[in-house]
């Protein structure tokens, strides 16, 4: 759970999420056993997460700030920033924020997250805003998702989940990503 980012959410966004979750029908499940944490986890688990410091949702007319907020809430850097251990969780290697290279095991194949900095050779610097939006919107229809190439089927990127974002939101994310430092980072995918 990327609580460090979510702890900066706008209070009204948090209320909207709670209202949405409460609108879903209850699902009857078997009772889960009470969690039992071993020492020392049973002690340090109480130190996290820290108290939320709510952020403020920028007006969507401030495209860069709005895109930054959405990128933070979507937790893009979790998967698109290379870590010291090469995996999704760990300390980001300085200078490689959004530069891709996180390893995912997809069946018997290893896939690496994409560089989403505005670098032209290894990132998305050559992408147009329209191509960026279309990449997400092409997954709006779940039937189309099933018919995509095997390369896309073996993607850890939750394209379908993000395809429902508005074009305004996707354009704001694209705009924000264009403001970050371009980083040349050749991953095993490119």
Protein backbone atom coordinates (compact mmCIF):
# COMPACT_ATOMS: atom_id res chain seq x y z
CA UNK A 1 0.00 0.00 0.00
CA UNK A 2 1.67 3.24 -1.07
CA UNK A 3 0.55 5.08 2.07
CA UNK A 4 3.37 7.67 1.96
CA UNK A 5 1.78 9.15 -1.18
CA UNK A 6 -1.80 8.56 -0.18
CA UNK A 7 -1.19 10.36 3.10
CA UNK A 8 -0.82 13.56 1.03
CA UNK A 9 -4.19 13.22 -0.69
CA UNK A 10 -6.70 16.06 -0.64
CA UNK A 11 -9.18 15.49 2.21
CA UNK A 12 -12.16 15.74 -0.19
CA UNK A 13 -10.59 13.11 -2.46
CA UNK A 14 -10.25 10.83 0.54
CA UNK A 15 -13.90 11.39 1.44
CA UNK A 16 -14.86 10.58 -2.17
CA UNK A 17 -12.94 7.29 -2.01
CA UNK A 18 -14.62 6.37 1.28
CA UNK A 19 -18.05 7.23 -0.14
CA UNK A 20 -17.36 5.10 -3.22
CA UNK A 21 -16.20 2.12 -1.15
CA UNK A 22 -19.29 2.37 1.03
CA UNK A 23 -21.49 2.36 -2.08
CA UNK A 24 -20.22 -1.09 -3.12
CA UNK A 25 -22.34 -4.09 -2.16
CA UNK A 26 -21.00 -6.10 0.76
CA UNK A 27 -19.38 -9.40 -0.11
CA UNK A 28 -19.82 -12.17 2.39
CA UNK A 29 -16.52 -13.92 2.99
CA UNK A 30 -15.17 -16.41 5.42
CA UNK A 31 -13.83 -14.65 8.49
CA UNK A 32 -10.16 -13.85 8.23
CA UNK A 33 -7.96 -15.04 11.08
CA UNK A 34 -6.65 -12.31 13.37
CA UNK A 35 -3.20 -11.23 12.21
CA UNK A 36 -0.29 -12.38 14.30
CA UNK A 37 2.96 -10.51 13.86
CA UNK A 38 6.24 -11.86 15.13
CA UNK A 39 8.78 -9.85 17.10
CA UNK A 40 10.09 -7.22 16.19
CA UNK A 41 7.46 -6.56 13.51
CA UNK A 42 4.72 -6.50 16.16
CA UNK A 43 6.46 -3.43 17.65
CA UNK A 44 7.60 -1.38 14.68
CA UNK A 45 4.31 -1.84 12.79
CA UNK A 46 2.89 0.78 15.16
CA UNK A 47 5.34 3.37 13.83
CA UNK A 48 3.81 3.35 10.35
CA UNK A 49 1.99 4.75 8.65
CA UNK A 50 2.65 8.17 10.02
CA UNK A 51 -0.10 10.71 10.51
CA UNK A 52 -1.53 12.00 7.24
CA UNK A 53 -0.65 15.52 6.17
CA UNK A 54 -3.44 16.23 3.72
CA UNK A 55 -2.52 17.94 0.50
CA UNK A 56 -4.66 20.25 -1.58
CA UNK A 57 -6.05 19.24 -4.94
CA UNK A 58 -4.73 21.81 -7.42
CA UNK A 59 -7.18 23.33 -9.85
CA UNK A 60 -6.98 21.45 -13.14
CA UNK A 61 -6.27 24.76 -14.91
CA UNK A 62 -2.78 24.62 -13.31
CA UNK A 63 -1.88 21.71 -15.57
CA UNK A 64 1.60 21.01 -14.19
CA UNK A 65 0.54 21.02 -10.51
CA UNK A 66 -2.60 19.03 -11.28
CA UNK A 67 -0.57 16.48 -13.27
CA UNK A 68 1.97 16.23 -10.47
CA UNK A 69 -0.83 15.55 -7.96
CA UNK A 70 -2.34 12.83 -10.18
CA UNK A 71 1.08 11.26 -10.79
CA UNK A 72 1.69 11.19 -7.05
CA UNK A 73 -1.75 9.67 -6.32
CA UNK A 74 -1.33 7.11 -9.12
CA UNK A 75 2.04 6.26 -7.52
CA UNK A 76 3.76 6.21 -10.92
CA UNK A 77 7.23 6.45 -9.39
CA UNK A 78 6.70 3.20 -7.43
CA UNK A 79 7.00 1.13 -10.60
CA UNK A 80 8.81 3.57 -12.87
CA UNK A 81 11.81 4.47 -10.65
CA UNK A 82 14.73 2.05 -10.50
CA UNK A 83 15.47 0.81 -7.00
CA UNK A 84 18.76 -0.33 -5.49
CA UNK A 85 17.47 -3.92 -5.30
CA UNK A 86 16.01 -3.82 -8.84
CA UNK A 87 12.55 -4.68 -7.50
CA UNK A 88 9.46 -2.52 -6.94
CA UNK A 89 10.07 -1.84 -3.25
CA UNK A 90 13.28 -0.35 -2.04
CA UNK A 91 15.26 2.86 -2.09
CA UNK A 92 15.17 4.77 -5.39
CA UNK A 93 18.58 5.15 -7.00
CA UNK A 94 19.25 8.92 -7.00
CA UNK A 95 18.63 10.43 -10.43
CA UNK A 96 16.52 7.53 -11.71
CA UNK A 97 13.08 8.77 -10.67
CA UNK A 98 10.59 7.83 -13.39
CA UNK A 99 13.44 6.36 -15.50
CA UNK A 100 12.07 2.81 -15.44
CA UNK A 101 13.94 -0.43 -15.02
CA UNK A 102 12.02 -2.08 -12.17
CA UNK A 103 11.94 -5.83 -12.73
CA UNK A 104 8.67 -7.77 -12.83
CA UNK A 105 8.41 -11.53 -13.20
CA UNK A 106 5.56 -12.29 -15.61
CA UNK A 107 5.27 -16.06 -15.87
CA UNK A 108 8.63 -17.29 -17.09
CA UNK A 109 9.57 -13.89 -18.50
CA UNK A 110 11.14 -10.83 -16.86
CA UNK A 111 9.67 -7.46 -17.86
CA UNK A 112 11.03 -4.06 -16.89
CA UNK A 113 9.07 -0.90 -16.29
CA UNK A 114 9.28 1.82 -18.90
CA UNK A 115 11.23 5.04 -18.67
CA UNK A 116 8.54 7.75 -18.53
CA UNK A 117 10.89 10.72 -18.40
CA UNK A 118 10.89 13.06 -21.43
CA UNK A 119 14.15 11.55 -22.70
CA UNK A 120 13.77 10.95 -26.46
CA UNK A 121 15.66 7.68 -26.99
CA UNK A 122 14.75 5.56 -23.97
CA UNK A 123 11.85 7.53 -22.48
CA UNK A 124 8.61 9.02 -23.76
CA UNK A 125 10.17 12.23 -25.05
CA UNK A 126 9.23 11.41 -28.64
CA UNK A 127 5.60 10.68 -27.73
CA UNK A 128 2.97 13.24 -28.58
CA UNK A 129 0.32 14.13 -26.04
CA UNK A 130 -2.25 12.45 -28.29
CA UNK A 131 -0.23 9.22 -28.46
CA UNK A 132 0.13 9.19 -24.67
CA UNK A 133 -3.62 9.62 -24.13
CA UNK A 134 -4.46 7.05 -26.83
CA UNK A 135 -2.14 4.49 -25.23
CA UNK A 136 -4.31 4.57 -22.10
CA UNK A 137 -7.65 4.98 -23.87
CA UNK A 138 -6.96 1.97 -26.12
CA UNK A 139 -7.60 -0.20 -23.06
CA UNK A 140 -11.00 1.28 -22.22
CA UNK A 141 -12.87 -1.67 -23.68
CA UNK A 142 -11.99 -4.87 -21.80
CA UNK A 143 -12.70 -6.91 -24.96
CA UNK A 144 -9.94 -4.97 -26.74
CA UNK A 145 -7.62 -5.63 -23.80
CA UNK A 146 -7.99 -9.38 -24.31
CA UNK A 147 -7.15 -9.02 -28.01
CA UNK A 148 -3.94 -7.02 -27.49
CA UNK A 149 -0.59 -8.49 -28.45
CA UNK A 150 1.11 -10.91 -26.09
CA UNK A 151 3.66 -8.16 -25.26
CA UNK A 152 0.87 -6.05 -23.75
CA UNK A 153 -0.84 -8.99 -22.07
CA UNK A 154 2.40 -9.66 -20.22
CA UNK A 155 2.53 -6.13 -18.86
CA UNK A 156 2.43 -5.32 -15.17
CA UNK A 157 1.06 -1.88 -16.09
CA UNK A 158 -2.63 -1.71 -15.08
CA UNK A 159 -3.67 -0.13 -18.40
CA UNK A 160 -7.31 -1.07 -18.04
CA UNK A 161 -7.51 0.43 -14.54
CA UNK A 162 -6.13 3.78 -15.72
CA UNK A 163 -8.00 3.81 -19.06
CA UNK A 164 -11.07 5.27 -17.33
CA UNK A 165 -9.23 8.46 -16.44
CA UNK A 166 -10.49 11.54 -18.23
CA UNK A 167 -8.53 12.95 -21.15
CA UNK A 168 -7.99 16.10 -19.07
CA UNK A 169 -6.35 14.01 -16.34
CA UNK A 170 -4.19 12.04 -18.76
CA UNK A 171 -3.11 15.22 -20.55
CA UNK A 172 -2.17 16.75 -17.20
CA UNK A 173 -0.05 13.71 -16.32
CA UNK A 174 1.65 13.91 -19.72
CA UNK A 175 2.27 17.63 -19.22
CA UNK A 176 3.79 17.06 -15.78
CA UNK A 177 6.01 14.21 -17.03
CA UNK A 178 7.32 16.60 -19.70
CA UNK A 179 8.53 18.94 -16.91
CA UNK A 180 10.74 16.40 -15.13
CA UNK A 181 14.39 15.85 -15.93
CA UNK A 182 14.98 13.63 -18.96
CA UNK A 183 17.02 10.58 -17.98
CA UNK A 184 18.71 8.27 -20.48
CA UNK A 185 18.10 4.82 -19.01
CA UNK A 186 18.12 1.87 -21.35
CA UNK A 187 16.12 -0.97 -19.84
CA UNK A 188 16.08 -4.54 -21.08
CA UNK A 189 12.78 -3.82 -22.87
CA UNK A 190 14.25 -1.17 -25.21
